[in-house]
Protein backbone atom coordinates (compact mmCIF):
# COMPACT_ATOMS: atom_id res chain seq x y z
CA MET A 1 9.71 11.55 -8.71
CA SER A 2 12.83 10.23 -6.43
CA GLN A 3 13.35 6.37 -7.86
CA PRO A 4 11.29 3.98 -9.39
CA GLN A 5 9.27 1.70 -8.03
CA THR A 6 11.04 -2.14 -7.30
CA PRO A 7 8.90 -4.99 -8.75
CA ALA A 8 7.33 -5.91 -5.30
CA GLU A 9 6.34 -2.06 -5.37
CA SER A 10 4.70 -2.00 -8.71
CA GLU A 11 2.63 -5.22 -7.84
CA MET A 12 1.45 -3.23 -5.19
CA ALA A 13 0.56 -0.19 -6.75
CA ALA A 14 -1.59 -1.98 -8.80
CA LEU A 15 -3.01 -3.92 -5.98
CA ILE A 16 -3.73 -0.23 -4.23
CA VAL A 17 -5.55 1.14 -7.85
CA GLN A 18 -7.36 -2.57 -8.52
CA SER A 19 -9.07 -2.68 -4.88
CA LEU A 20 -10.15 1.04 -4.53
CA ASN A 21 -11.39 1.24 -8.09
CA LEU A 22 -8.67 4.38 -8.19
CA GLU A 23 -9.47 4.48 -12.15
CA ASP A 24 -7.86 8.23 -12.52
CA VAL A 25 -4.72 6.75 -10.77
CA ASP A 26 -1.76 5.37 -13.23
CA ALA A 27 -0.44 2.62 -10.92
CA ALA A 28 3.17 3.22 -12.13
CA ALA A 29 3.48 6.39 -11.57
CA ILE A 30 2.77 6.06 -7.32
CA ASP A 31 5.96 7.88 -6.21
CA PRO A 32 6.94 5.02 -4.36
CA GLU A 33 8.26 7.04 -0.96
CA ALA A 34 5.05 9.66 -1.35
CA PRO A 35 2.92 9.24 1.12
CA LEU A 36 -0.79 7.34 0.77
CA PHE A 37 -3.20 9.19 3.23
CA GLY A 38 -3.49 12.91 3.27
CA THR A 39 -1.28 15.28 0.61
CA GLY A 40 0.27 12.21 -1.34
CA LEU A 41 -2.44 9.47 -2.96
CA GLY A 42 -5.30 10.57 -0.53
CA LEU A 43 -6.24 7.22 1.30
CA ASP A 44 -8.48 7.45 4.10
CA SER A 45 -8.84 5.07 6.87
CA ILE A 46 -12.42 3.01 5.09
CA ASP A 47 -9.17 2.62 1.71
CA ALA A 48 -7.06 1.39 4.75
CA LEU A 49 -9.31 -1.47 5.62
CA GLU A 50 -10.15 -2.12 1.78
CA LEU A 51 -6.63 -2.48 1.41
CA ALA A 52 -5.79 -4.48 4.17
CA LEU A 53 -8.69 -7.15 3.41
CA GLU A 54 -6.61 -7.10 -0.07
CA ILE A 55 -3.40 -7.86 1.38
CA SER A 56 -4.56 -9.97 3.75
CA LYS A 57 -5.97 -12.14 1.01
CA ARG A 58 -2.98 -11.91 -1.75
CA TYR A 59 -0.15 -11.81 0.58
CA GLY A 60 -1.93 -13.67 4.12
CA VAL A 61 -0.21 -10.83 6.18
CA GLN A 62 -2.69 -9.77 8.72
CA LEU A 63 -2.92 -5.38 9.14
CA ARG A 64 -4.98 -5.13 12.09
CA SER A 65 -6.75 -1.33 12.84
CA ASP A 66 -5.36 -1.48 16.17
CA ASP A 67 -2.04 -1.75 15.44
CA PRO A 68 0.02 1.32 17.09
CA ASP A 69 2.98 0.74 13.34
CA ASN A 70 0.07 1.46 10.97
CA ARG A 71 1.13 4.88 10.23
CA ARG A 72 4.72 3.85 9.47
CA ILE A 73 3.02 0.72 7.89
CA PHE A 74 1.04 2.99 5.79
CA ALA A 75 3.25 5.51 4.98
CA SER A 76 4.32 4.92 1.51
CA LEU A 77 3.85 2.41 -1.02
CA ARG A 78 7.80 2.08 0.15
CA ALA A 79 6.63 1.62 3.83
CA LEU A 80 4.10 -0.96 2.71
CA THR A 81 5.51 -2.83 -0.10
CA ALA A 82 8.74 -3.97 2.74
CA HIS A 83 5.81 -4.62 5.41
CA VAL A 84 4.38 -7.13 2.98
CA GLN A 85 7.54 -8.69 2.02
CA ALA A 86 8.80 -8.64 5.28
CA ASN A 87 5.74 -10.53 7.09
CA ARG A 88 5.22 -12.91 4.07
CA PRO A 89 4.19 -16.24 5.29
CA ALA A 90 7.50 -18.29 4.49
């Protein structure tokens, strides 16, 4: 693992595991810099939609499926957490 999760990343990791019912994934063991899709956590586009909905409900941050930055936003736990933190309503 590169670096340990920050508290915000730990919270996001727990949200990912809970909202996507990833029973066999330990949220604390998710590498914050590993890819969320494909080779990393193995999420797919349906998971991204579910996750976007949960993030919207919990943090008030809208993630649109047509956003050209989605590949960067959803690149890793660290990238997703940073995006949500930067775009949360005051």
